[in-house]
Amino acid sequence: MIKVNKILSFLLYKTEIISIFSAMKRISPSGDNFIEFLNIQQMIVKDTKQMIRYVRLVS
């Protein structure tokens, strides 16, 4: 149960980062922010896949 909570809080944290960046994009819709946003999104997808793999190994 503790592991599940850790994963949920981890995903929540990543979602907050995405929402911050999408808010930034609305404030200044320059290309740089958008590229940064995409990089972070890719990172999140990779991290999430790693977390899922970890959960499968542990459970």
C-alpha atoms as a PDB file:
ATOM      1  CA  MET A   1       0.000   0.000   0.000  1.00  0.00           C
ATOM      2  CA  ILE A   2       2.857   2.364   0.826  1.00  0.00           C
ATOM      3  CA  LYS A   3       4.380   1.747  -2.608  1.00  0.00           C
ATOM      4  CA  VAL A   4       1.091   2.569  -4.332  1.00  0.00           C
ATOM      5  CA  ASN A   5       0.858   5.828  -2.363  1.00  0.00           C
ATOM      6  CA  LYS A   6       4.406   6.730  -3.353  1.00  0.00           C
ATOM      7  CA  ILE A   7       3.603   6.168  -7.023  1.00  0.00           C
ATOM      8  CA  LEU A   8       0.395   8.184  -6.813  1.00  0.00           C
ATOM      9  CA  SER A   9       2.149  11.119  -5.170  1.00  0.00           C
ATOM     10  CA  PHE A  10       4.942  10.841  -7.751  1.00  0.00           C
ATOM     11  CA  LEU A  11       2.426  11.035 -10.618  1.00  0.00           C
ATOM     12  CA  LEU A  12       0.629  13.921  -8.936  1.00  0.00           C
ATOM     13  CA  TYR A  13       3.922  15.803  -8.668  1.00  0.00           C
ATOM     14  CA  LYS A  14       4.598  15.232 -12.378  1.00  0.00           C
ATOM     15  CA  THR A  15       1.101  16.431 -13.277  1.00  0.00           C
ATOM     16  CA  GLU A  16       1.694  19.633 -11.309  1.00  0.00           C
ATOM     17  CA  ILE A  17       4.845  20.281 -13.357  1.00  0.00           C
ATOM     18  CA  ILE A  18       2.872  19.850 -16.595  1.00  0.00           C
ATOM     19  CA  SER A  19       0.158  22.240 -15.415  1.00  0.00           C
ATOM     20  CA  ILE A  20       2.771  24.840 -14.434  1.00  0.00           C
ATOM     21  CA  PHE A  21       4.325  24.640 -17.882  1.00  0.00           C
ATOM     22  CA  SER A  22       1.009  24.820 -19.705  1.00  0.00           C
ATOM     23  CA  ALA A  23       0.184  27.918 -17.625  1.00  0.00           C
ATOM     24  CA  MET A  24       3.548  29.398 -18.626  1.00  0.00           C
ATOM     25  CA  LYS A  25       2.796  28.635 -22.251  1.00  0.00           C
ATOM     26  CA  ARG A  26      -0.467  30.585 -21.976  1.00  0.00           C
ATOM     27  CA  ILE A  27       1.344  33.539 -20.406  1.00  0.00           C
ATOM     28  CA  SER A  28       4.076  33.682 -23.060  1.00  0.00           C
ATOM     29  CA  PRO A  29       3.368  31.417 -26.018  1.00  0.00           C
ATOM     30  CA  SER A  30       6.936  31.573 -27.358  1.00  0.00           C
ATOM     31  CA  GLY A  31       8.521  28.526 -28.961  1.00  0.00           C
ATOM     32  CA  ASP A  32      11.130  28.087 -26.215  1.00  0.00           C
ATOM     33  CA  ASN A  33       8.619  27.391 -23.471  1.00  0.00           C
ATOM     34  CA  PHE A  34       6.766  24.947 -25.667  1.00  0.00           C
ATOM     35  CA  ILE A  35       9.936  22.997 -26.471  1.00  0.00           C
ATOM     36  CA  GLU A  36      10.805  22.923 -22.780  1.00  0.00           C
ATOM     37  CA  PHE A  37       7.271  21.707 -22.046  1.00  0.00           C
ATOM     38  CA  LEU A  38       7.604  18.872 -24.577  1.00  0.00           C
ATOM     39  CA  ASN A  39      10.969  17.839 -23.111  1.00  0.00           C
ATOM     40  CA  ILE A  40       9.466  17.681 -19.639  1.00  0.00           C
ATOM     41  CA  GLN A  41       6.493  15.720 -20.953  1.00  0.00           C
ATOM     42  CA  GLN A  42       8.827  13.146 -22.533  1.00  0.00           C
ATOM     43  CA  MET A  43      10.721  12.918 -19.269  1.00  0.00           C
ATOM     44  CA  ILE A  44       7.477  12.309 -17.381  1.00  0.00           C
ATOM     45  CA  VAL A  45       6.407   9.563 -19.774  1.00  0.00           C
ATOM     46  CA  LYS A  46       9.796   7.872 -19.335  1.00  0.00           C
ATOM     47  CA  ASP A  47       9.646   8.211 -15.522  1.00  0.00           C
ATOM     48  CA  THR A  48       6.098   6.873 -15.435  1.00  0.00           C
ATOM     49  CA  LYS A  49       7.062   3.824 -17.498  1.00  0.00           C
ATOM     50  CA  GLN A  50       9.960   3.192 -15.124  1.00  0.00           C
ATOM     51  CA  MET A  51       7.625   3.481 -12.136  1.00  0.00           C
ATOM     52  CA  ILE A  52       5.179   0.997 -13.701  1.00  0.00           C
ATOM     53  CA  ARG A  53       8.048  -1.424 -14.372  1.00  0.00           C
ATOM     54  CA  TYR A  54       9.181  -0.999 -10.769  1.00  0.00           C
ATOM     55  CA  VAL A  55       5.680  -1.704  -9.456  1.00  0.00           C
ATOM     56  CA  ARG A  56       5.476  -4.904 -11.514  1.00  0.00           C
ATOM     57  CA  LEU A  57       8.839  -6.040 -10.172  1.00  0.00           C
ATOM     58  CA  VAL A  58       7.930  -5.299  -6.566  1.00  0.00           C
ATOM     59  CA  SER A  59       4.405  -6.714  -6.542  1.00  0.00           C
END
